[in-house]
Amino acid sequence: MSWQAYVDDQLMGSGYLSAAAITGHDGGLWAKSSTFPEEIKAIMDGFTEPGLLYQNGVPLGGTKYLVVEATSASIYGKKGAGGIIIRKTVNTIIIGIYNENVSPGNSAMVVEKLGDYLEENGY
């Protein structure tokens, strides 16, 4: 399966995300939905310095998400009733954005499940 197919079928196809992307650890964009903004530097830095995310939030697509949880593997952010879920695997970073009409738990499940699958398969 191509990286774009993971974004289109697994992430966006779930109906729980409004935008999604998969990147490499170097920040290189591997695949994205048509609605995904391409500014991801703060996300990359956040995995090495999670404290910065708590202070500054996650800016993405002109929206600044308040970070509610940041670990070495996942970052969760909120903006109103919408939010962002970011999952780091061995070689990838999966980013999912959800809007106010979707349950954060369902959105997180989709991103985390794909992250688990990719890790189980060496990615």
PDB file of N, CA and C in Angstrom:
ATOM      1  N   MET A   1       0.858  -1.180   0.000  1.00  0.00           N
ATOM      2  CA  MET A   1       0.000   0.000   0.000  1.00  0.00           C
ATOM      3  C   MET A   1       0.899   1.237   0.000  1.00  0.00           C
ATOM      4  N   SER A   2       0.544   2.229  -0.795  1.00  0.00           N
ATOM      5  CA  SER A   2       1.331   3.458  -0.849  1.00  0.00           C
ATOM      6  C   SER A   2       1.039   4.333   0.372  1.00  0.00           C
ATOM      7  N   TRP A   3       1.945   5.263   0.655  1.00  0.00           N
ATOM      8  CA  TRP A   3       1.732   6.180   1.786  1.00  0.00           C
ATOM      9  C   TRP A   3       0.475   7.015   1.567  1.00  0.00           C
ATOM     10  N   GLN A   4       0.230   7.405   0.319  1.00  0.00           N
ATOM     11  CA  GLN A   4      -0.969   8.187   0.035  1.00  0.00           C
ATOM     12  C   GLN A   4      -2.226   7.378   0.318  1.00  0.00           C
ATOM     13  N   ALA A   5      -2.186   6.081   0.040  1.00  0.00           N
ATOM     14  CA  ALA A   5      -3.336   5.223   0.322  1.00  0.00           C
ATOM     15  C   ALA A   5      -3.598   5.133   1.830  1.00  0.00           C
ATOM     16  N   TYR A   6      -2.547   5.119   2.639  1.00  0.00           N
ATOM     17  CA  TYR A   6      -2.746   5.130   4.092  1.00  0.00           C
ATOM     18  C   TYR A   6      -3.485   6.399   4.516  1.00  0.00           C
ATOM     19  N   VAL A   7      -3.078   7.530   3.950  1.00  0.00           N
ATOM     20  CA  VAL A   7      -3.747   8.802   4.286  1.00  0.00           C
ATOM     21  C   VAL A   7      -5.189   8.779   3.791  1.00  0.00           C
ATOM     22  N   ASP A   8      -5.377   8.422   2.526  1.00  0.00           N
ATOM     23  CA  ASP A   8      -6.717   8.469   1.930  1.00  0.00           C
ATOM     24  C   ASP A   8      -7.665   7.431   2.522  1.00  0.00           C
ATOM     25  N   ASP A   9      -7.199   6.195   2.652  1.00  0.00           N
ATOM     26  CA  ASP A   9      -8.084   5.105   3.050  1.00  0.00           C
ATOM     27  C   ASP A   9      -8.185   4.919   4.561  1.00  0.00           C
ATOM     28  N   GLN A  10      -7.048   4.887   5.244  1.00  0.00           N
ATOM     29  CA  GLN A  10      -7.042   4.592   6.668  1.00  0.00           C
ATOM     30  C   GLN A  10      -7.375   5.817   7.527  1.00  0.00           C
ATOM     31  N   LEU A  11      -6.796   6.956   7.195  1.00  0.00           N
ATOM     32  CA  LEU A  11      -7.006   8.154   8.017  1.00  0.00           C
ATOM     33  C   LEU A  11      -8.247   8.931   7.574  1.00  0.00           C
ATOM     34  N   MET A  12      -8.228   9.463   6.368  1.00  0.00           N
ATOM     35  CA  MET A  12      -9.363  10.268   5.894  1.00  0.00           C
ATOM     36  C   MET A  12     -10.601   9.405   5.672  1.00  0.00           C
ATOM     37  N   GLY A  13     -10.405   8.167   5.233  1.00  0.00           N
ATOM     38  CA  GLY A  13     -11.524   7.265   4.984  1.00  0.00           C
ATOM     39  C   GLY A  13     -12.299   6.899   6.235  1.00  0.00           C
ATOM     40  N   SER A  14     -11.706   7.123   7.413  1.00  0.00           N
ATOM     41  CA  SER A  14     -12.395   6.818   8.672  1.00  0.00           C
ATOM     42  C   SER A  14     -13.577   7.754   8.914  1.00  0.00           C
ATOM     43  N   GLY A  15     -13.523   8.952   8.321  1.00  0.00           N
ATOM     44  CA  GLY A  15     -14.561   9.947   8.564  1.00  0.00           C
ATOM     45  C   GLY A  15     -14.367  10.717   9.862  1.00  0.00           C
ATOM     46  N   TYR A  16     -13.297  10.423  10.606  1.00  0.00           N
ATOM     47  CA  TYR A  16     -13.048  11.073  11.887  1.00  0.00           C
ATOM     48  C   TYR A  16     -12.017  12.195  11.814  1.00  0.00           C
ATOM     49  N   LEU A  17     -11.404  12.396  10.658  1.00  0.00           N
ATOM     50  CA  LEU A  17     -10.380  13.432  10.519  1.00  0.00           C
ATOM     51  C   LEU A  17     -10.751  14.395   9.398  1.00  0.00           C
ATOM     52  N   SER A  18     -10.383  15.660   9.577  1.00  0.00           N
ATOM     53  CA  SER A  18     -10.631  16.653   8.534  1.00  0.00           C
ATOM     54  C   SER A  18      -9.389  16.906   7.689  1.00  0.00           C
ATOM     55  N   ALA A  19      -8.211  16.483   8.180  1.00  0.00           N
ATOM     56  CA  ALA A  19      -6.959  16.593   7.441  1.00  0.00           C
ATOM     57  C   ALA A  19      -5.976  15.592   8.050  1.00  0.00           C
ATOM     58  N   ALA A  20      -5.035  15.124   7.227  1.00  0.00           N
ATOM     59  CA  ALA A  20      -4.073  14.143   7.722  1.00  0.00           C
ATOM     60  C   ALA A  20      -2.821  14.155   6.856  1.00  0.00           C
ATOM     61  N   ALA A  21      -1.709  13.675   7.458  1.00  0.00           N
ATOM     62  CA  ALA A  21      -0.454  13.567   6.720  1.00  0.00           C
ATOM     63  C   ALA A  21       0.426  12.512   7.368  1.00  0.00           C
ATOM     64  N   ILE A  22       1.361  12.011   6.582  1.00  0.00           N
ATOM     65  CA  ILE A  22       2.423  11.146   7.085  1.00  0.00           C
ATOM     66  C   ILE A  22       3.735  11.762   6.622  1.00  0.00           C
ATOM     67  N   THR A  23       4.648  11.933   7.576  1.00  0.00           N
ATOM     68  CA  THR A  23       5.949  12.511   7.262  1.00  0.00           C
ATOM     69  C   THR A  23       7.047  11.579   7.743  1.00  0.00           C
ATOM     70  N   GLY A  24       8.261  11.853   7.292  1.00  0.00           N
ATOM     71  CA  GLY A  24       9.432  11.195   7.846  1.00  0.00           C
ATOM     72  C   GLY A  24       9.915  11.984   9.045  1.00  0.00           C
ATOM     73  N   HIS A  25      10.842  11.416   9.797  1.00  0.00           N
ATOM     74  CA  HIS A  25      11.388  12.121  10.963  1.00  0.00           C
ATOM     75  C   HIS A  25      12.168  13.367  10.568  1.00  0.00           C
ATOM     76  N   ASP A  26      12.610  13.434   9.332  1.00  0.00           N
ATOM     77  CA  ASP A  26      13.334  14.613   8.858  1.00  0.00           C
ATOM     78  C   ASP A  26      12.391  15.748   8.462  1.00  0.00           C
ATOM     79  N   GLY A  27      11.094  15.516   8.580  1.00  0.00           N
ATOM     80  CA  GLY A  27      10.112  16.535   8.219  1.00  0.00           C
ATOM     81  C   GLY A  27       9.641  16.448   6.783  1.00  0.00           C
ATOM     82  N   GLY A  28      10.235  15.542   6.013  1.00  0.00           N
ATOM     83  CA  GLY A  28       9.817  15.371   4.631  1.00  0.00           C
ATOM     84  C   GLY A  28       8.404  14.813   4.553  1.00  0.00           C
ATOM     85  N   LEU A  29       7.571  15.441   3.756  1.00  0.00           N
ATOM     86  CA  LEU A  29       6.176  15.044   3.626  1.00  0.00           C
ATOM     87  C   LEU A  29       6.068  13.846   2.690  1.00  0.00           C
ATOM     88  N   TRP A  30       5.556  12.701   3.193  1.00  0.00           N
ATOM     89  CA  TRP A  30       5.425  11.485   2.394  1.00  0.00           C
ATOM     90  C   TRP A  30       4.066  11.415   1.718  1.00  0.00           C
ATOM     91  N   ALA A  31       3.028  11.860   2.415  1.00  0.00           N
ATOM     92  CA  ALA A  31       1.676  11.850   1.852  1.00  0.00           C
ATOM     93  C   ALA A  31       0.804  12.767   2.688  1.00  0.00           C
ATOM     94  N   LYS A  32      -0.232  13.354   2.072  1.00  0.00           N
ATOM     95  CA  LYS A  32      -1.121  14.248   2.813  1.00  0.00           C
ATOM     96  C   LYS A  32      -2.481  14.308   2.143  1.00  0.00           C
ATOM     97  N   SER A  33      -3.466  14.705   2.938  1.00  0.00           N
ATOM     98  CA  SER A  33      -4.781  14.977   2.367  1.00  0.00           C
ATOM     99  C   SER A  33      -4.724  16.341   1.695  1.00  0.00           C
ATOM    100  N   SER A  34      -5.670  16.599   0.838  1.00  0.00           N
ATOM    101  CA  SER A  34      -5.680  17.881   0.122  1.00  0.00           C
ATOM    102  C   SER A  34      -5.896  19.057   1.061  1.00  0.00           C
ATOM    103  N   THR A  35      -6.424  18.810   2.248  1.00  0.00           N
ATOM    104  CA  THR A  35      -6.726  19.880   3.203  1.00  0.00           C
ATOM    105  C   THR A  35      -5.625  20.092   4.230  1.00  0.00           C
ATOM    106  N   PHE A  36      -4.510  19.369   4.113  1.00  0.00           N
ATOM    107  CA  PHE A  36      -3.476  19.450   5.136  1.00  0.00           C
ATOM    108  C   PHE A  36      -2.504  20.593   4.871  1.00  0.00           C
ATOM    109  N   PRO A  37      -2.279  21.465   5.886  1.00  0.00           N
ATOM    110  CA  PRO A  37      -1.275  22.518   5.747  1.00  0.00           C
ATOM    111  C   PRO A  37       0.120  21.913   5.868  1.00  0.00           C
ATOM    112  N   GLU A  38       1.109  22.495   5.227  1.00  0.00           N
ATOM    113  CA  GLU A  38       2.419  21.855   5.164  1.00  0.00           C
ATOM    114  C   GLU A  38       3.452  22.392   6.149  1.00  0.00           C
ATOM    115  N   GLU A  39       3.077  23.139   7.141  1.00  0.00           N
ATOM    116  CA  GLU A  39       4.053  23.683   8.087  1.00  0.00           C
ATOM    117  C   GLU A  39       4.171  22.763   9.302  1.00  0.00           C
ATOM    118  N   ILE A  40       5.215  21.938   9.336  1.00  0.00           N
ATOM    119  CA  ILE A  40       5.291  20.921  10.382  1.00  0.00           C
ATOM    120  C   ILE A  40       6.540  21.015  11.256  1.00  0.00           C
ATOM    121  N   LYS A  41       7.346  22.045  11.114  1.00  0.00           N
ATOM    122  CA  LYS A  41       8.589  22.151  11.886  1.00  0.00           C
ATOM    123  C   LYS A  41       8.349  22.111  13.388  1.00  0.00           C
ATOM    124  N   ALA A  42       7.365  22.812  13.896  1.00  0.00           N
ATOM    125  CA  ALA A  42       7.101  22.833  15.345  1.00  0.00           C
ATOM    126  C   ALA A  42       6.762  21.441  15.862  1.00  0.00           C
ATOM    127  N   ILE A  43       6.111  20.656  15.046  1.00  0.00           N
ATOM    128  CA  ILE A  43       5.777  19.288  15.445  1.00  0.00           C
ATOM    129  C   ILE A  43       7.050  18.471  15.589  1.00  0.00           C
ATOM    130  N   MET A  44       7.935  18.582  14.632  1.00  0.00           N
ATOM    131  CA  MET A  44       9.185  17.831  14.673  1.00  0.00           C
ATOM    132  C   MET A  44       9.986  18.210  15.920  1.00  0.00           C
ATOM    133  N   ASP A  45      10.092  19.494  16.189  1.00  0.00           N
ATOM    134  CA  ASP A  45      10.834  19.968  17.358  1.00  0.00           C
ATOM    135  C   ASP A  45      10.180  19.509  18.652  1.00  0.00           C
ATOM    136  N   GLY A  46       8.871  19.357  18.651  1.00  0.00           N
ATOM    137  CA  GLY A  46       8.134  18.991  19.853  1.00  0.00           C
ATOM    138  C   GLY A  46       8.445  17.609  20.386  1.00  0.00           C
ATOM    139  N   PHE A  47       8.867  16.710  19.529  1.00  0.00           N
ATOM    140  CA  PHE A  47       9.212  15.379  20.013  1.00  0.00           C
ATOM    141  C   PHE A  47      10.539  15.377  20.758  1.00  0.00           C
ATOM    142  N   THR A  48      11.419  16.317  20.441  1.00  0.00           N
ATOM    143  CA  THR A  48      12.688  16.386  21.165  1.00  0.00           C
ATOM    144  C   THR A  48      12.602  17.331  22.356  1.00  0.00           C
ATOM    145  N   GLU A  49      11.731  18.320  22.289  1.00  0.00           N
ATOM    146  CA  GLU A  49      11.547  19.290  23.374  1.00  0.00           C
ATOM    147  C   GLU A  49      10.061  19.467  23.671  1.00  0.00           C
ATOM    148  N   PRO A  50       9.402  18.471  24.311  1.00  0.00           N
ATOM    149  CA  PRO A  50       7.960  18.591  24.544  1.00  0.00           C
ATOM    150  C   PRO A  50       7.573  19.802  25.385  1.00  0.00           C
ATOM    151  N   GLY A  51       8.476  20.275  26.229  1.00  0.00           N
ATOM    152  CA  GLY A  51       8.187  21.454  27.038  1.00  0.00           C
ATOM    153  C   GLY A  51       7.870  22.673  26.192  1.00  0.00           C
ATOM    154  N   LEU A  52       8.512  22.777  25.027  1.00  0.00           N
ATOM    155  CA  LEU A  52       8.237  23.899  24.124  1.00  0.00           C
ATOM    156  C   LEU A  52       6.796  23.869  23.633  1.00  0.00           C
ATOM    157  N   LEU A  53       6.281  22.672  23.406  1.00  0.00           N
ATOM    158  CA  LEU A  53       4.902  22.561  22.936  1.00  0.00           C
ATOM    159  C   LEU A  53       3.915  23.023  23.995  1.00  0.00           C
ATOM    160  N   TYR A  54       4.185  22.682  25.255  1.00  0.00           N
ATOM    161  CA  TYR A  54       3.292  23.127  26.330  1.00  0.00           C
ATOM    162  C   TYR A  54       3.317  24.653  26.439  1.00  0.00           C
ATOM    163  N   GLN A  55       4.460  25.246  26.192  1.00  0.00           N
ATOM    164  CA  GLN A  55       4.581  26.707  26.261  1.00  0.00           C
ATOM    165  C   GLN A  55       3.990  27.394  25.038  1.00  0.00           C
ATOM    166  N   ASN A  56       4.315  26.863  23.867  1.00  0.00           N
ATOM    167  CA  ASN A  56       3.993  27.561  22.616  1.00  0.00           C
ATOM    168  C   ASN A  56       2.819  26.978  21.839  1.00  0.00           C
ATOM    169  N   GLY A  57       2.385  25.771  22.190  1.00  0.00           N
ATOM    170  CA  GLY A  57       1.345  25.116  21.416  1.00  0.00           C
ATOM    171  C   GLY A  57       1.898  24.552  20.119  1.00  0.00           C
ATOM    172  N   VAL A  58       1.018  24.032  19.297  1.00  0.00           N
ATOM    173  CA  VAL A  58       1.396  23.497  17.984  1.00  0.00           C
ATOM    174  C   VAL A  58       0.744  24.373  16.923  1.00  0.00           C
ATOM    175  N   PRO A  59       1.541  25.194  16.224  1.00  0.00           N
ATOM    176  CA  PRO A  59       0.970  25.998  15.137  1.00  0.00           C
ATOM    177  C   PRO A  59       0.910  25.174  13.857  1.00  0.00           C
ATOM    178  N   LEU A  60      -0.263  25.110  13.260  1.00  0.00           N
ATOM    179  CA  LEU A  60      -0.424  24.348  12.027  1.00  0.00           C
ATOM    180  C   LEU A  60      -1.567  24.939  11.219  1.00  0.00           C
ATOM    181  N   GLY A  61      -1.287  25.344  10.006  1.00  0.00           N
ATOM    182  CA  GLY A  61      -2.312  25.868   9.114  1.00  0.00           C
ATOM    183  C   GLY A  61      -2.986  27.122   9.625  1.00  0.00           C
ATOM    184  N   GLY A  62      -2.241  27.973  10.308  1.00  0.00           N
ATOM    185  CA  GLY A  62      -2.819  29.202  10.841  1.00  0.00           C
ATOM    186  C   GLY A  62      -3.586  29.004  12.136  1.00  0.00           C
ATOM    187  N   THR A  63      -3.632  27.786  12.646  1.00  0.00           N
ATOM    188  CA  THR A  63      -4.298  27.492  13.910  1.00  0.00           C
ATOM    189  C   THR A  63      -3.251  27.084  14.929  1.00  0.00           C
ATOM    190  N   LYS A  64      -3.383  27.591  16.138  1.00  0.00           N
ATOM    191  CA  LYS A  64      -2.473  27.219  17.219  1.00  0.00           C
ATOM    192  C   LYS A  64      -3.224  26.306  18.177  1.00  0.00           C
ATOM    193  N   TYR A  65      -2.758  25.062  18.288  1.00  0.00           N
ATOM    194  CA  TYR A  65      -3.390  24.073  19.141  1.00  0.00           C
ATOM    195  C   TYR A  65      -2.734  24.067  20.519  1.00  0.00           C
ATOM    196  N   LEU A  66      -3.535  24.132  21.567  1.00  0.00           N
ATOM    197  CA  LEU A  66      -3.065  24.036  22.939  1.00  0.00           C
ATOM    198  C   LEU A  66      -2.713  22.579  23.210  1.00  0.00           C
ATOM    199  N   VAL A  67      -1.504  22.308  23.653  1.00  0.00           N
ATOM    200  CA  VAL A  67      -1.075  20.934  23.897  1.00  0.00           C
ATOM    201  C   VAL A  67      -1.595  20.472  25.251  1.00  0.00           C
ATOM    202  N   VAL A  68      -2.317  19.360  25.242  1.00  0.00           N
ATOM    203  CA  VAL A  68      -2.857  18.806  26.477  1.00  0.00           C
ATOM    204  C   VAL A  68      -2.087  17.571  26.924  1.00  0.00           C
ATOM    205  N   GLU A  69      -1.342  16.947  26.012  1.00  0.00           N
ATOM    206  CA  GLU A  69      -0.488  15.811  26.357  1.00  0.00           C
ATOM    207  C   GLU A  69       0.622  15.691  25.329  1.00  0.00           C
ATOM    208  N   ALA A  70       1.848  15.482  25.810  1.00  0.00           N
ATOM    209  CA  ALA A  70       2.983  15.282  24.908  1.00  0.00           C
ATOM    210  C   ALA A  70       3.918  14.255  25.525  1.00  0.00           C
ATOM    211  N   THR A  71       4.155  13.171  24.792  1.00  0.00           N
ATOM    212  CA  THR A  71       5.093  12.143  25.217  1.00  0.00           C
ATOM    213  C   THR A  71       6.104  11.947  24.097  1.00  0.00           C
ATOM    214  N   SER A  72       7.007  11.021  24.270  1.00  0.00           N
ATOM    215  CA  SER A  72       7.977  10.750  23.208  1.00  0.00           C
ATOM    216  C   SER A  72       7.333  10.069  22.003  1.00  0.00           C
ATOM    217  N   ALA A  73       6.088   9.597  22.154  1.00  0.00           N
ATOM    218  CA  ALA A  73       5.410   8.896  21.059  1.00  0.00           C
ATOM    219  C   ALA A  73       4.177   9.612  20.524  1.00  0.00           C
ATOM    220  N   SER A  74       3.518  10.437  21.334  1.00  0.00           N
ATOM    221  CA  SER A  74       2.259  11.069  20.900  1.00  0.00           C
ATOM    222  C   SER A  74       2.139  12.487  21.419  1.00  0.00           C
ATOM    223  N   ILE A  75       1.465  13.310  20.633  1.00  0.00           N
ATOM    224  CA  ILE A  75       1.140  14.683  21.031  1.00  0.00           C
ATOM    225  C   ILE A  75      -0.347  14.879  20.766  1.00  0.00           C
ATOM    226  N   TYR A  76      -1.054  15.394  21.769  1.00  0.00           N
ATOM    227  CA  TYR A  76      -2.483  15.693  21.636  1.00  0.00           C
ATOM    228  C   TYR A  76      -2.681  17.186  21.878  1.00  0.00           C
ATOM    229  N   GLY A  77      -3.390  17.844  20.962  1.00  0.00           N
ATOM    230  CA  GLY A  77      -3.658  19.265  21.105  1.00  0.00           C
ATOM    231  C   GLY A  77      -5.124  19.572  20.866  1.00  0.00           C
ATOM    232  N   LYS A  78      -5.573  20.702  21.421  1.00  0.00           N
ATOM    233  CA  LYS A  78      -6.973  21.126  21.289  1.00  0.00           C
ATOM    234  C   LYS A  78      -7.032  22.575  20.804  1.00  0.00           C
ATOM    235  N   LYS A  79      -8.080  22.865  20.081  1.00  0.00           N
ATOM    236  CA  LYS A  79      -8.441  24.227  19.703  1.00  0.00           C
ATOM    237  C   LYS A  79      -9.955  24.253  19.684  1.00  0.00           C
ATOM    238  N   GLY A  80     -10.558  24.831  20.715  1.00  0.00           N
ATOM    239  CA  GLY A  80     -12.002  24.768  20.837  1.00  0.00           C
ATOM    240  C   GLY A  80     -12.426  23.325  20.986  1.00  0.00           C
ATOM    241  N   ALA A  81     -13.406  22.896  20.210  1.00  0.00           N
ATOM    242  CA  ALA A  81     -13.866  21.507  20.264  1.00  0.00           C
ATOM    243  C   ALA A  81     -13.119  20.622  19.270  1.00  0.00           C
ATOM    244  N   GLY A  82     -12.251  21.198  18.446  1.00  0.00           N
ATOM    245  CA  GLY A  82     -11.445  20.431  17.504  1.00  0.00           C
ATOM    246  C   GLY A  82     -10.072  20.164  18.081  1.00  0.00           C
ATOM    247  N   GLY A  83      -9.230  19.504  17.309  1.00  0.00           N
ATOM    248  CA  GLY A  83      -7.898  19.235  17.823  1.00  0.00           C
ATOM    249  C   GLY A  83      -7.003  18.519  16.836  1.00  0.00           C
ATOM    250  N   ILE A  84      -5.859  18.080  17.379  1.00  0.00           N
ATOM    251  CA  ILE A  84      -4.829  17.431  16.572  1.00  0.00           C
ATOM    252  C   ILE A  84      -4.275  16.243  17.351  1.00  0.00           C
ATOM    253  N   ILE A  85      -3.979  15.174  16.640  1.00  0.00           N
ATOM    254  CA  ILE A  85      -3.334  13.993  17.211  1.00  0.00           C
ATOM    255  C   ILE A  85      -2.114  13.708  16.361  1.00  0.00           C
ATOM    256  N   ILE A  86      -0.981  13.539  17.011  1.00  0.00           N
ATOM    257  CA  ILE A  86       0.271  13.289  16.299  1.00  0.00           C
ATOM    258  C   ILE A  86       0.914  12.046  16.904  1.00  0.00           C
ATOM    259  N   ARG A  87       1.282  11.102  16.077  1.00  0.00           N
ATOM    260  CA  ARG A  87       1.876   9.850  16.553  1.00  0.00           C
ATOM    261  C   ARG A  87       3.207   9.621  15.853  1.00  0.00           C
ATOM    262  N   LYS A  88       4.252   9.405  16.639  1.00  0.00           N
ATOM    263  CA  LYS A  88       5.574   9.113  16.107  1.00  0.00           C
ATOM    264  C   LYS A  88       5.800   7.606  16.139  1.00  0.00           C
ATOM    265  N   THR A  89       6.246   7.040  15.019  1.00  0.00           N
ATOM    266  CA  THR A  89       6.607   5.632  14.955  1.00  0.00           C
ATOM    267  C   THR A  89       8.115   5.548  14.711  1.00  0.00           C
ATOM    268  N   VAL A  90       8.607   4.373  14.418  1.00  0.00           N
ATOM    269  CA  VAL A  90      10.044   4.189  14.195  1.00  0.00           C
ATOM    270  C   VAL A  90      10.560   5.114  13.092  1.00  0.00           C
ATOM    271  N   ASN A  91       9.838   5.227  11.986  1.00  0.00           N
ATOM    272  CA  ASN A  91      10.297   6.019  10.841  1.00  0.00           C
ATOM    273  C   ASN A  91       9.347   7.117  10.393  1.00  0.00           C
ATOM    274  N   THR A  92       8.137   7.155  10.937  1.00  0.00           N
ATOM    275  CA  THR A  92       7.140   8.104  10.440  1.00  0.00           C
ATOM    276  C   THR A  92       6.561   8.971  11.552  1.00  0.00           C
ATOM    277  N   ILE A  93       5.904  10.015  11.139  1.00  0.00           N
ATOM    278  CA  ILE A  93       5.062  10.815  12.024  1.00  0.00           C
ATOM    279  C   ILE A  93       3.714  10.935  11.335  1.00  0.00           C
ATOM    280  N   ILE A  94       2.672  10.530  12.048  1.00  0.00           N
ATOM    281  CA  ILE A  94       1.305  10.553  11.528  1.00  0.00           C
ATOM    282  C   ILE A  94       0.590  11.712  12.201  1.00  0.00           C
ATOM    283  N   ILE A  95      -0.032  12.570  11.410  1.00  0.00           N
ATOM    284  CA  ILE A  95      -0.714  13.751  11.931  1.00  0.00           C
ATOM    285  C   ILE A  95      -2.173  13.713  11.497  1.00  0.00           C
ATOM    286  N   GLY A  96      -3.068  13.833  12.455  1.00  0.00           N
ATOM    287  CA  GLY A  96      -4.490  13.883  12.159  1.00  0.00           C
ATOM    288  C   GLY A  96      -5.130  15.092  12.807  1.00  0.00           C
ATOM    289  N   ILE A  97      -5.928  15.810  12.062  1.00  0.00           N
ATOM    290  CA  ILE A  97      -6.652  16.980  12.566  1.00  0.00           C
ATOM    291  C   ILE A  97      -8.135  16.648  12.529  1.00  0.00           C
ATOM    292  N   TYR A  98      -8.835  16.955  13.622  1.00  0.00           N
ATOM    293  CA  TYR A  98     -10.273  16.707  13.653  1.00  0.00           C
ATOM    294  C   TYR A  98     -11.003  18.005  13.991  1.00  0.00           C
ATOM    295  N   ASN A  99     -12.258  18.098  13.549  1.00  0.00           N
ATOM    296  CA  ASN A  99     -13.041  19.305  13.814  1.00  0.00           C
ATOM    297  C   ASN A  99     -14.029  19.065  14.948  1.00  0.00           C
ATOM    298  N   GLU A 100     -14.811  20.063  15.240  1.00  0.00           N
ATOM    299  CA  GLU A 100     -15.725  20.028  16.394  1.00  0.00           C
ATOM    300  C   GLU A 100     -16.864  19.021  16.258  1.00  0.00           C
ATOM    301  N   ASN A 101     -17.096  18.513  15.077  1.00  0.00           N
ATOM    302  CA  ASN A 101     -18.199  17.570  14.873  1.00  0.00           C
ATOM    303  C   ASN A 101     -17.808  16.115  15.111  1.00  0.00           C
ATOM    304  N   VAL A 102     -16.582  15.885  15.555  1.00  0.00           N
ATOM    305  CA  VAL A 102     -16.061  14.523  15.680  1.00  0.00           C
ATOM    306  C   VAL A 102     -15.558  14.291  17.097  1.00  0.00           C
ATOM    307  N   SER A 103     -15.744  13.080  17.584  1.00  0.00           N
ATOM    308  CA  SER A 103     -15.258  12.702  18.903  1.00  0.00           C
ATOM    309  C   SER A 103     -13.730  12.633  18.902  1.00  0.00           C
ATOM    310  N   PRO A 104     -13.073  13.317  19.849  1.00  0.00           N
ATOM    311  CA  PRO A 104     -11.611  13.230  19.940  1.00  0.00           C
ATOM    312  C   PRO A 104     -11.132  11.788  20.136  1.00  0.00           C
ATOM    313  N   GLY A 105     -11.890  11.000  20.882  1.00  0.00           N
ATOM    314  CA  GLY A 105     -11.506   9.613  21.119  1.00  0.00           C
ATOM    315  C   GLY A 105     -11.472   8.789  19.845  1.00  0.00           C
ATOM    316  N   ASN A 106     -12.459   8.974  18.978  1.00  0.00           N
ATOM    317  CA  ASN A 106     -12.480   8.253  17.704  1.00  0.00           C
ATOM    318  C   ASN A 106     -11.329   8.684  16.806  1.00  0.00           C
ATOM    319  N   SER A 107     -11.046   9.980  16.797  1.00  0.00           N
ATOM    320  CA  SER A 107      -9.941  10.496  15.985  1.00  0.00           C
ATOM    321  C   SER A 107      -8.613   9.940  16.477  1.00  0.00           C
ATOM    322  N   ALA A 108      -8.417   9.940  17.785  1.00  0.00           N
ATOM    323  CA  ALA A 108      -7.183   9.408  18.364  1.00  0.00           C
ATOM    324  C   ALA A 108      -7.038   7.926  18.051  1.00  0.00           C
ATOM    325  N   MET A 109      -8.137   7.186  18.122  1.00  0.00           N
ATOM    326  CA  MET A 109      -8.089   5.754  17.848  1.00  0.00           C
ATOM    327  C   MET A 109      -7.586   5.479  16.430  1.00  0.00           C
ATOM    328  N   VAL A 110      -8.050   6.258  15.463  1.00  0.00           N
ATOM    329  CA  VAL A 110      -7.652   6.061  14.066  1.00  0.00           C
ATOM    330  C   VAL A 110      -6.151   6.309  13.891  1.00  0.00           C
ATOM    331  N   VAL A 111      -5.659   7.398  14.437  1.00  0.00           N
ATOM    332  CA  VAL A 111      -4.238   7.744  14.295  1.00  0.00           C
ATOM    333  C   VAL A 111      -3.369   6.741  15.054  1.00  0.00           C
ATOM    334  N   GLU A 112      -3.726   6.437  16.288  1.00  0.00           N
ATOM    335  CA  GLU A 112      -2.931   5.513  17.101  1.00  0.00           C
ATOM    336  C   GLU A 112      -2.937   4.104  16.512  1.00  0.00           C
ATOM    337  N   LYS A 113      -4.070   3.678  15.971  1.00  0.00           N
ATOM    338  CA  LYS A 113      -4.164   2.338  15.381  1.00  0.00           C
ATOM    339  C   LYS A 113      -3.242   2.217  14.172  1.00  0.00           C
ATOM    340  N   LEU A 114      -3.221   3.235  13.315  1.00  0.00           N
ATOM    341  CA  LEU A 114      -2.310   3.203  12.172  1.00  0.00           C
ATOM    342  C   LEU A 114      -0.868   3.238  12.661  1.00  0.00           C
ATOM    343  N   GLY A 115      -0.591   4.025  13.697  1.00  0.00           N
ATOM    344  CA  GLY A 115       0.752   4.063  14.268  1.00  0.00           C
ATOM    345  C   GLY A 115       1.192   2.696  14.772  1.00  0.00           C
ATOM    346  N   ASP A 116       0.310   2.006  15.466  1.00  0.00           N
ATOM    347  CA  ASP A 116       0.620   0.657  15.958  1.00  0.00           C
ATOM    348  C   ASP A 116       0.914  -0.283  14.792  1.00  0.00           C
ATOM    349  N   TYR A 117       0.078  -0.221  13.767  1.00  0.00           N
ATOM    350  CA  TYR A 117       0.250  -1.085  12.591  1.00  0.00           C
ATOM    351  C   TYR A 117       1.603  -0.826  11.916  1.00  0.00           C
ATOM    352  N   LEU A 118       1.931   0.445  11.708  1.00  0.00           N
ATOM    353  CA  LEU A 118       3.196   0.770  11.050  1.00  0.00           C
ATOM    354  C   LEU A 118       4.393   0.307  11.891  1.00  0.00           C
ATOM    355  N   GLU A 119       4.319   0.491  13.211  1.00  0.00           N
ATOM    356  CA  GLU A 119       5.412   0.026  14.061  1.00  0.00           C
ATOM    357  C   GLU A 119       5.554  -1.488  14.021  1.00  0.00           C
ATOM    358  N   GLU A 120       4.440  -2.195  14.059  1.00  0.00           N
ATOM    359  CA  GLU A 120       4.481  -3.662  13.982  1.00  0.00           C
ATOM    360  C   GLU A 120       5.135  -4.144  12.680  1.00  0.00           C
ATOM    361  N   ASN A 121       5.087  -3.308  11.654  1.00  0.00           N
ATOM    362  CA  ASN A 121       5.649  -3.656  10.355  1.00  0.00           C
ATOM    363  C   ASN A 121       6.969  -2.943  10.065  1.00  0.00           C
ATOM    364  N   GLY A 122       7.611  -2.451  11.113  1.00  0.00           N
ATOM    365  CA  GLY A 122       8.955  -1.885  10.976  1.00  0.00           C
ATOM    366  C   GLY A 122       9.037  -0.443  10.525  1.00  0.00           C
ATOM    367  N   TYR A 123       7.917   0.238  10.493  1.00  0.00           N
ATOM    368  CA  TYR A 123       7.936   1.646  10.090  1.00  0.00           C
ATOM    369  C   TYR A 123       7.717   2.524  11.286  1.00  0.00           C
TER     370      TYR A 123
END
